[in-house]
Amino acid sequence: MTQRTTEVIVGVFMVAGLAALLFLALQVSGLTPKSAEGTYTVYANFNDTGGLAPRGRVSMAGVTVGTIESISLNKKTFQAKVTMSISADIDTIPSDSSAVIRTSGLLGEQYIDISVGGEMESLADGDTFYSTQSAMNLERLISNFASGR
């Protein structure tokens, strides 16, 4: 009887360990299910997105306020169109704010940082950022420096 109890305890411990590993893997990969709170969609056009990827973060003053939903090519302007999902709690982003692609650390992941403007009107669902700043391309920068441009 004690051997059966030991086997059950070990089984429960193994299931709990696997559940914890699955939870950590989902947290690290950013594949967590969407939160129940509402969001709204805004867009930004960039000349160069660098290594920006879907499910990346959108932050404002260092606080994550949304995620990158998709990145596509605008066939008319040949710019990258980034679709962002912003938390509905953050509904007072001034309409003249700009979206800047930044890098965490020297070689870290890229994310979009919203630089707040001063306009009284706020961005609404479906709006596009007034100004954007593309990712810094280190390879192009070194190439320009080496060629003397």
N, C-alpha and C. Protein backbone atom coordinates (compact mmCIF):
# COMPACT_ATOMS: atom_id res chain seq x y z
N MET A 1 0.82 -1.20 0.00
CA MET A 1 0.00 0.00 0.00
C MET A 1 0.86 1.26 0.00
N THR A 2 1.98 1.25 0.75
CA THR A 2 2.84 2.43 0.79
C THR A 2 3.55 2.64 -0.54
N GLN A 3 3.84 1.54 -1.26
CA GLN A 3 4.48 1.70 -2.56
C GLN A 3 3.52 2.37 -3.54
N ARG A 4 2.24 2.04 -3.47
CA ARG A 4 1.22 2.64 -4.35
C ARG A 4 1.10 4.14 -4.05
N THR A 5 1.12 4.51 -2.77
CA THR A 5 1.04 5.92 -2.39
C THR A 5 2.26 6.69 -2.91
N THR A 6 3.42 6.08 -2.80
CA THR A 6 4.65 6.71 -3.30
C THR A 6 4.57 6.92 -4.81
N GLU A 7 4.04 5.93 -5.54
CA GLU A 7 3.91 6.05 -6.99
C GLU A 7 2.95 7.19 -7.37
N VAL A 8 1.87 7.32 -6.62
CA VAL A 8 0.90 8.39 -6.90
C VAL A 8 1.54 9.75 -6.63
N ILE A 9 2.29 9.88 -5.54
CA ILE A 9 2.94 11.16 -5.22
C ILE A 9 3.97 11.52 -6.29
N VAL A 10 4.75 10.54 -6.72
CA VAL A 10 5.73 10.79 -7.78
C VAL A 10 5.03 11.19 -9.07
N GLY A 11 3.91 10.55 -9.39
CA GLY A 11 3.15 10.90 -10.60
C GLY A 11 2.61 12.32 -10.54
N VAL A 12 2.05 12.70 -9.40
CA VAL A 12 1.54 14.07 -9.23
C VAL A 12 2.68 15.06 -9.34
N PHE A 13 3.83 14.74 -8.75
CA PHE A 13 5.00 15.62 -8.83
C PHE A 13 5.46 15.78 -10.28
N MET A 14 5.46 14.71 -11.05
CA MET A 14 5.87 14.78 -12.46
C MET A 14 4.89 15.63 -13.28
N VAL A 15 3.60 15.46 -13.05
CA VAL A 15 2.61 16.25 -13.79
C VAL A 15 2.76 17.73 -13.44
N ALA A 16 2.97 18.05 -12.16
CA ALA A 16 3.16 19.45 -11.76
C ALA A 16 4.43 20.03 -12.38
N GLY A 17 5.48 19.24 -12.45
CA GLY A 17 6.73 19.70 -13.08
C GLY A 17 6.56 19.97 -14.55
N LEU A 18 5.87 19.08 -15.25
CA LEU A 18 5.62 19.29 -16.68
C LEU A 18 4.74 20.51 -16.93
N ALA A 19 3.75 20.72 -16.07
CA ALA A 19 2.88 21.89 -16.20
C ALA A 19 3.69 23.17 -15.98
N ALA A 20 4.59 23.16 -15.02
CA ALA A 20 5.44 24.34 -14.77
C ALA A 20 6.36 24.60 -15.96
N LEU A 21 6.94 23.57 -16.55
CA LEU A 21 7.79 23.75 -17.73
C LEU A 21 7.00 24.29 -18.91
N LEU A 22 5.80 23.79 -19.12
CA LEU A 22 4.95 24.29 -20.20
C LEU A 22 4.61 25.77 -20.00
N PHE A 23 4.28 26.13 -18.76
CA PHE A 23 3.95 27.53 -18.44
C PHE A 23 5.15 28.43 -18.72
N LEU A 24 6.34 28.02 -18.27
CA LEU A 24 7.55 28.83 -18.50
C LEU A 24 7.88 28.94 -19.98
N ALA A 25 7.71 27.85 -20.72
CA ALA A 25 7.99 27.89 -22.16
C ALA A 25 7.04 28.86 -22.87
N LEU A 26 5.78 28.87 -22.48
CA LEU A 26 4.82 29.80 -23.09
C LEU A 26 5.14 31.24 -22.72
N GLN A 27 5.56 31.48 -21.49
CA GLN A 27 5.90 32.84 -21.07
C GLN A 27 7.12 33.35 -21.83
N VAL A 28 8.13 32.52 -21.98
CA VAL A 28 9.36 32.95 -22.65
C VAL A 28 9.12 33.19 -24.13
N SER A 29 8.32 32.35 -24.77
CA SER A 29 8.10 32.48 -26.21
C SER A 29 7.05 33.52 -26.56
N GLY A 30 6.34 34.05 -25.59
CA GLY A 30 5.31 35.06 -25.87
C GLY A 30 4.05 34.46 -26.45
N LEU A 31 3.82 33.19 -26.27
CA LEU A 31 2.63 32.54 -26.82
C LEU A 31 1.50 32.43 -25.80
N THR A 32 1.51 33.29 -24.81
CA THR A 32 0.45 33.22 -23.82
C THR A 32 -0.87 33.63 -24.44
N PRO A 33 -1.95 33.08 -23.96
CA PRO A 33 -3.24 33.46 -24.51
C PRO A 33 -3.51 34.94 -24.25
N LYS A 34 -4.28 35.55 -25.14
CA LYS A 34 -4.57 36.97 -25.00
C LYS A 34 -5.36 37.22 -23.73
N SER A 35 -5.12 38.38 -23.15
CA SER A 35 -5.83 38.73 -21.93
C SER A 35 -7.29 39.05 -22.26
N ALA A 36 -8.11 39.03 -21.24
CA ALA A 36 -9.54 39.25 -21.44
C ALA A 36 -9.85 40.72 -21.68
N GLU A 37 -8.92 41.61 -21.32
CA GLU A 37 -9.19 43.02 -21.48
C GLU A 37 -9.21 43.40 -22.96
N GLY A 38 -9.86 44.49 -23.27
CA GLY A 38 -10.01 44.92 -24.65
C GLY A 38 -8.76 45.59 -25.19
N THR A 39 -8.67 45.61 -26.50
CA THR A 39 -7.57 46.29 -27.17
C THR A 39 -8.13 47.06 -28.35
N TYR A 40 -7.32 47.95 -28.88
CA TYR A 40 -7.65 48.61 -30.14
C TYR A 40 -6.43 48.58 -31.04
N THR A 41 -6.64 48.75 -32.33
CA THR A 41 -5.59 48.57 -33.31
C THR A 41 -5.14 49.91 -33.88
N VAL A 42 -3.82 50.10 -33.94
CA VAL A 42 -3.24 51.27 -34.59
C VAL A 42 -2.16 50.77 -35.55
N TYR A 43 -1.79 51.63 -36.50
CA TYR A 43 -0.84 51.25 -37.54
C TYR A 43 0.34 52.22 -37.56
N ALA A 44 1.45 51.75 -38.10
CA ALA A 44 2.62 52.60 -38.31
C ALA A 44 3.33 52.11 -39.56
N ASN A 45 3.85 53.05 -40.35
CA ASN A 45 4.59 52.72 -41.57
C ASN A 45 6.06 53.04 -41.36
N PHE A 46 6.92 52.07 -41.67
CA PHE A 46 8.35 52.23 -41.50
C PHE A 46 9.07 51.94 -42.81
N ASN A 47 10.21 52.63 -43.03
CA ASN A 47 11.05 52.34 -44.19
C ASN A 47 11.83 51.05 -43.99
N ASP A 48 12.21 50.77 -42.74
CA ASP A 48 13.00 49.58 -42.44
C ASP A 48 12.61 49.09 -41.04
N THR A 49 12.10 47.87 -40.96
CA THR A 49 11.70 47.34 -39.65
C THR A 49 12.82 46.57 -38.98
N GLY A 50 13.95 46.36 -39.66
CA GLY A 50 15.06 45.62 -39.05
C GLY A 50 14.61 44.22 -38.66
N GLY A 51 14.80 43.87 -37.42
CA GLY A 51 14.43 42.55 -36.93
C GLY A 51 13.13 42.53 -36.17
N LEU A 52 12.28 43.51 -36.38
CA LEU A 52 10.98 43.55 -35.69
C LEU A 52 10.16 42.33 -36.07
N ALA A 53 9.47 41.74 -35.12
CA ALA A 53 8.71 40.51 -35.38
C ALA A 53 7.33 40.58 -34.74
N PRO A 54 6.37 39.87 -35.31
CA PRO A 54 5.05 39.79 -34.67
C PRO A 54 5.19 39.23 -33.25
N ARG A 55 4.30 39.61 -32.39
CA ARG A 55 4.27 39.28 -30.96
C ARG A 55 5.33 40.04 -30.17
N GLY A 56 6.01 40.97 -30.84
CA GLY A 56 6.95 41.83 -30.13
C GLY A 56 6.17 42.82 -29.27
N ARG A 57 6.87 43.49 -28.42
CA ARG A 57 6.17 44.39 -27.50
C ARG A 57 6.14 45.81 -28.01
N VAL A 58 5.11 46.53 -27.59
CA VAL A 58 4.97 47.95 -27.82
C VAL A 58 5.00 48.60 -26.46
N SER A 59 5.90 49.55 -26.26
CA SER A 59 6.02 50.13 -24.93
C SER A 59 5.93 51.64 -24.99
N MET A 60 5.64 52.20 -23.84
CA MET A 60 5.57 53.64 -23.67
C MET A 60 6.20 53.93 -22.32
N ALA A 61 7.25 54.72 -22.31
CA ALA A 61 7.99 55.05 -21.09
C ALA A 61 8.48 53.79 -20.38
N GLY A 62 8.83 52.78 -21.16
CA GLY A 62 9.37 51.55 -20.59
C GLY A 62 8.33 50.56 -20.12
N VAL A 63 7.06 50.90 -20.24
CA VAL A 63 5.98 50.02 -19.80
C VAL A 63 5.32 49.41 -21.03
N THR A 64 5.15 48.11 -21.03
CA THR A 64 4.52 47.44 -22.16
C THR A 64 3.03 47.78 -22.19
N VAL A 65 2.59 48.34 -23.32
CA VAL A 65 1.19 48.75 -23.47
C VAL A 65 0.48 47.99 -24.58
N GLY A 66 1.21 47.14 -25.30
CA GLY A 66 0.58 46.41 -26.39
C GLY A 66 1.55 45.45 -27.05
N THR A 67 1.08 44.86 -28.15
CA THR A 67 1.90 43.90 -28.89
C THR A 67 1.81 44.19 -30.38
N ILE A 68 2.80 43.69 -31.11
CA ILE A 68 2.80 43.80 -32.56
C ILE A 68 2.01 42.62 -33.11
N GLU A 69 0.97 42.92 -33.85
CA GLU A 69 0.11 41.85 -34.39
C GLU A 69 0.65 41.30 -35.70
N SER A 70 1.02 42.18 -36.62
CA SER A 70 1.51 41.71 -37.91
C SER A 70 2.37 42.78 -38.58
N ILE A 71 3.16 42.33 -39.54
CA ILE A 71 3.99 43.23 -40.34
C ILE A 71 3.78 42.83 -41.80
N SER A 72 3.42 43.79 -42.63
CA SER A 72 3.20 43.48 -44.05
C SER A 72 3.79 44.60 -44.89
N LEU A 73 3.92 44.34 -46.18
CA LEU A 73 4.47 45.33 -47.10
C LEU A 73 3.33 46.06 -47.78
N ASN A 74 3.37 47.39 -47.70
CA ASN A 74 2.39 48.22 -48.41
C ASN A 74 2.85 48.31 -49.86
N LYS A 75 2.10 47.76 -50.78
CA LYS A 75 2.51 47.67 -52.18
C LYS A 75 2.50 49.02 -52.89
N LYS A 76 1.82 50.01 -52.33
CA LYS A 76 1.79 51.33 -52.95
C LYS A 76 2.98 52.17 -52.54
N THR A 77 3.34 52.14 -51.27
CA THR A 77 4.43 52.99 -50.78
C THR A 77 5.74 52.22 -50.60
N PHE A 78 5.69 50.91 -50.70
CA PHE A 78 6.84 50.04 -50.47
C PHE A 78 7.44 50.24 -49.08
N GLN A 79 6.57 50.51 -48.13
CA GLN A 79 6.98 50.61 -46.74
C GLN A 79 6.37 49.44 -45.98
N ALA A 80 6.96 49.13 -44.85
CA ALA A 80 6.42 48.09 -43.99
C ALA A 80 5.28 48.68 -43.16
N LYS A 81 4.14 48.00 -43.17
CA LYS A 81 2.99 48.44 -42.38
C LYS A 81 2.90 47.53 -41.16
N VAL A 82 3.07 48.13 -39.99
CA VAL A 82 3.05 47.37 -38.74
C VAL A 82 1.70 47.59 -38.06
N THR A 83 1.04 46.50 -37.74
CA THR A 83 -0.24 46.55 -37.05
C THR A 83 0.01 46.25 -35.58
N MET A 84 -0.43 47.17 -34.71
CA MET A 84 -0.20 47.02 -33.27
C MET A 84 -1.53 46.94 -32.54
N SER A 85 -1.55 46.14 -31.51
CA SER A 85 -2.71 46.02 -30.65
C SER A 85 -2.37 46.68 -29.32
N ILE A 86 -3.08 47.76 -29.00
CA ILE A 86 -2.81 48.54 -27.79
C ILE A 86 -3.91 48.26 -26.76
N SER A 87 -3.53 48.14 -25.52
CA SER A 87 -4.49 47.90 -24.44
C SER A 87 -5.51 49.03 -24.37
N ALA A 88 -6.76 48.68 -24.19
CA ALA A 88 -7.83 49.67 -24.15
C ALA A 88 -7.69 50.63 -22.97
N ASP A 89 -6.93 50.22 -21.95
CA ASP A 89 -6.70 51.11 -20.80
C ASP A 89 -5.90 52.35 -21.21
N ILE A 90 -5.05 52.18 -22.23
CA ILE A 90 -4.20 53.28 -22.70
C ILE A 90 -4.90 53.92 -23.89
N ASP A 91 -5.92 54.69 -23.63
CA ASP A 91 -6.72 55.26 -24.71
C ASP A 91 -6.51 56.76 -24.89
N THR A 92 -5.45 57.30 -24.30
CA THR A 92 -5.22 58.74 -24.41
C THR A 92 -3.86 59.04 -25.05
N ILE A 93 -3.43 58.21 -25.99
CA ILE A 93 -2.17 58.48 -26.69
C ILE A 93 -2.41 59.64 -27.64
N PRO A 94 -1.67 60.75 -27.47
CA PRO A 94 -1.89 61.91 -28.36
C PRO A 94 -1.71 61.53 -29.83
N SER A 95 -2.50 62.15 -30.69
CA SER A 95 -2.50 61.78 -32.11
C SER A 95 -1.21 62.15 -32.83
N ASP A 96 -0.41 63.07 -32.27
CA ASP A 96 0.85 63.43 -32.91
C ASP A 96 2.04 62.66 -32.33
N SER A 97 1.79 61.59 -31.62
CA SER A 97 2.86 60.76 -31.06
C SER A 97 3.60 60.05 -32.19
N SER A 98 4.82 59.64 -31.91
CA SER A 98 5.59 58.93 -32.93
C SER A 98 5.96 57.53 -32.44
N ALA A 99 6.13 56.64 -33.40
CA ALA A 99 6.52 55.25 -33.11
C ALA A 99 7.97 55.07 -33.55
N VAL A 100 8.79 54.62 -32.63
CA VAL A 100 10.22 54.47 -32.89
C VAL A 100 10.61 53.01 -32.64
N ILE A 101 11.35 52.43 -33.57
CA ILE A 101 11.84 51.06 -33.38
C ILE A 101 13.15 51.14 -32.60
N ARG A 102 13.17 50.48 -31.44
CA ARG A 102 14.36 50.49 -30.58
C ARG A 102 14.81 49.05 -30.35
N THR A 103 16.04 48.93 -29.85
CA THR A 103 16.62 47.62 -29.58
C THR A 103 16.91 47.51 -28.09
N SER A 104 16.54 46.39 -27.49
CA SER A 104 16.87 46.14 -26.09
C SER A 104 18.34 45.74 -26.02
N GLY A 105 19.16 46.58 -25.45
CA GLY A 105 20.58 46.28 -25.37
C GLY A 105 21.24 46.44 -26.73
N LEU A 106 22.46 45.97 -26.84
CA LEU A 106 23.20 46.13 -28.10
C LEU A 106 22.67 45.21 -29.19
N LEU A 107 22.39 43.97 -28.86
CA LEU A 107 21.92 43.00 -29.85
C LEU A 107 20.61 42.34 -29.43
N GLY A 108 19.86 42.96 -28.57
CA GLY A 108 18.62 42.37 -28.06
C GLY A 108 17.48 42.46 -29.05
N GLU A 109 16.31 42.07 -28.58
CA GLU A 109 15.12 42.09 -29.43
C GLU A 109 14.72 43.52 -29.75
N GLN A 110 14.04 43.69 -30.86
CA GLN A 110 13.57 45.01 -31.23
C GLN A 110 12.11 45.16 -30.84
N TYR A 111 11.75 46.36 -30.48
CA TYR A 111 10.39 46.65 -30.06
C TYR A 111 10.02 48.06 -30.50
N ILE A 112 8.75 48.40 -30.38
CA ILE A 112 8.30 49.73 -30.76
C ILE A 112 8.09 50.54 -29.49
N ASP A 113 8.72 51.71 -29.46
CA ASP A 113 8.57 52.63 -28.34
C ASP A 113 7.75 53.81 -28.82
N ILE A 114 6.71 54.14 -28.10
CA ILE A 114 5.85 55.27 -28.47
C ILE A 114 6.36 56.51 -27.75
N SER A 115 6.75 57.52 -28.54
CA SER A 115 7.16 58.81 -27.98
C SER A 115 5.94 59.71 -27.99
N VAL A 116 5.58 60.16 -26.84
CA VAL A 116 4.31 60.88 -26.67
C VAL A 116 4.42 62.30 -27.22
N GLY A 117 3.41 62.72 -27.96
CA GLY A 117 3.31 64.07 -28.49
C GLY A 117 2.53 64.96 -27.54
N GLY A 118 2.13 66.12 -28.04
CA GLY A 118 1.43 67.07 -27.19
C GLY A 118 0.02 67.41 -27.64
N GLU A 119 -0.46 66.75 -28.67
CA GLU A 119 -1.80 67.03 -29.21
C GLU A 119 -2.88 66.63 -28.20
N MET A 120 -4.00 67.36 -28.23
CA MET A 120 -5.10 67.05 -27.31
C MET A 120 -5.93 65.86 -27.80
N GLU A 121 -5.99 65.65 -29.14
CA GLU A 121 -6.74 64.51 -29.67
C GLU A 121 -5.97 63.22 -29.43
N SER A 122 -6.68 62.12 -29.27
CA SER A 122 -6.05 60.83 -29.00
C SER A 122 -6.18 59.91 -30.20
N LEU A 123 -5.25 58.97 -30.30
CA LEU A 123 -5.35 57.94 -31.34
C LEU A 123 -6.57 57.07 -31.06
N ALA A 124 -7.25 56.68 -32.10
CA ALA A 124 -8.42 55.81 -31.97
C ALA A 124 -8.18 54.54 -32.78
N ASP A 125 -9.10 53.62 -32.68
CA ASP A 125 -9.00 52.36 -33.41
C ASP A 125 -8.89 52.63 -34.91
N GLY A 126 -7.85 52.08 -35.54
CA GLY A 126 -7.67 52.23 -36.98
C GLY A 126 -6.80 53.40 -37.39
N ASP A 127 -6.36 54.24 -36.45
CA ASP A 127 -5.51 55.38 -36.79
C ASP A 127 -4.08 54.93 -37.08
N THR A 128 -3.35 55.83 -37.74
CA THR A 128 -1.94 55.58 -38.07
C THR A 128 -1.08 56.63 -37.39
N PHE A 129 0.10 56.21 -36.92
CA PHE A 129 1.00 57.14 -36.25
C PHE A 129 1.44 58.22 -37.22
N TYR A 130 1.51 59.46 -36.72
CA TYR A 130 1.87 60.62 -37.52
C TYR A 130 3.31 60.52 -38.01
N SER A 131 4.22 60.17 -37.14
CA SER A 131 5.61 60.05 -37.56
C SER A 131 6.21 58.77 -37.01
N THR A 132 7.19 58.25 -37.73
CA THR A 132 7.85 57.02 -37.32
C THR A 132 9.35 57.17 -37.51
N GLN A 133 10.09 56.36 -36.81
CA GLN A 133 11.54 56.30 -36.99
C GLN A 133 11.92 54.85 -37.13
N SER A 134 12.56 54.52 -38.25
CA SER A 134 12.90 53.14 -38.55
C SER A 134 14.02 52.63 -37.66
N ALA A 135 14.24 51.33 -37.76
CA ALA A 135 15.29 50.69 -36.97
C ALA A 135 16.65 51.13 -37.45
N MET A 136 17.58 51.23 -36.50
CA MET A 136 18.95 51.54 -36.85
C MET A 136 19.58 50.27 -37.43
N ASN A 137 20.07 50.38 -38.65
CA ASN A 137 20.69 49.23 -39.29
C ASN A 137 22.19 49.32 -39.08
N LEU A 138 22.72 48.53 -38.15
CA LEU A 138 24.13 48.58 -37.77
C LEU A 138 25.03 48.25 -38.95
N GLU A 139 24.61 47.29 -39.76
CA GLU A 139 25.41 46.89 -40.93
C GLU A 139 25.53 48.05 -41.92
N ARG A 140 24.44 48.75 -42.17
CA ARG A 140 24.46 49.88 -43.08
C ARG A 140 25.30 51.03 -42.51
N LEU A 141 25.20 51.22 -41.21
CA LEU A 141 25.97 52.28 -40.55
C LEU A 141 27.47 52.02 -40.69
N ILE A 142 27.89 50.78 -40.47
CA ILE A 142 29.30 50.43 -40.59
C ILE A 142 29.75 50.56 -42.05
N SER A 143 28.89 50.14 -42.97
CA SER A 143 29.22 50.24 -44.38
C SER A 143 29.40 51.69 -44.81
N ASN A 144 28.51 52.57 -44.36
CA ASN A 144 28.64 53.99 -44.68
C ASN A 144 29.90 54.58 -44.06
N PHE A 145 30.22 54.18 -42.85
CA PHE A 145 31.42 54.69 -42.19
C PHE A 145 32.67 54.21 -42.93
N ALA A 146 32.67 52.95 -43.35
CA ALA A 146 33.84 52.39 -44.03
C ALA A 146 34.04 53.01 -45.41
N SER A 147 32.94 53.36 -46.08
CA SER A 147 33.06 53.94 -47.42
C SER A 147 33.24 55.46 -47.38
N GLY A 148 33.15 56.05 -46.19
CA GLY A 148 33.39 57.48 -46.04
C GLY A 148 32.20 58.35 -46.37
N ARG A 149 31.00 57.80 -46.42
CA ARG A 149 29.80 58.60 -46.71
C ARG A 149 29.26 59.26 -45.49
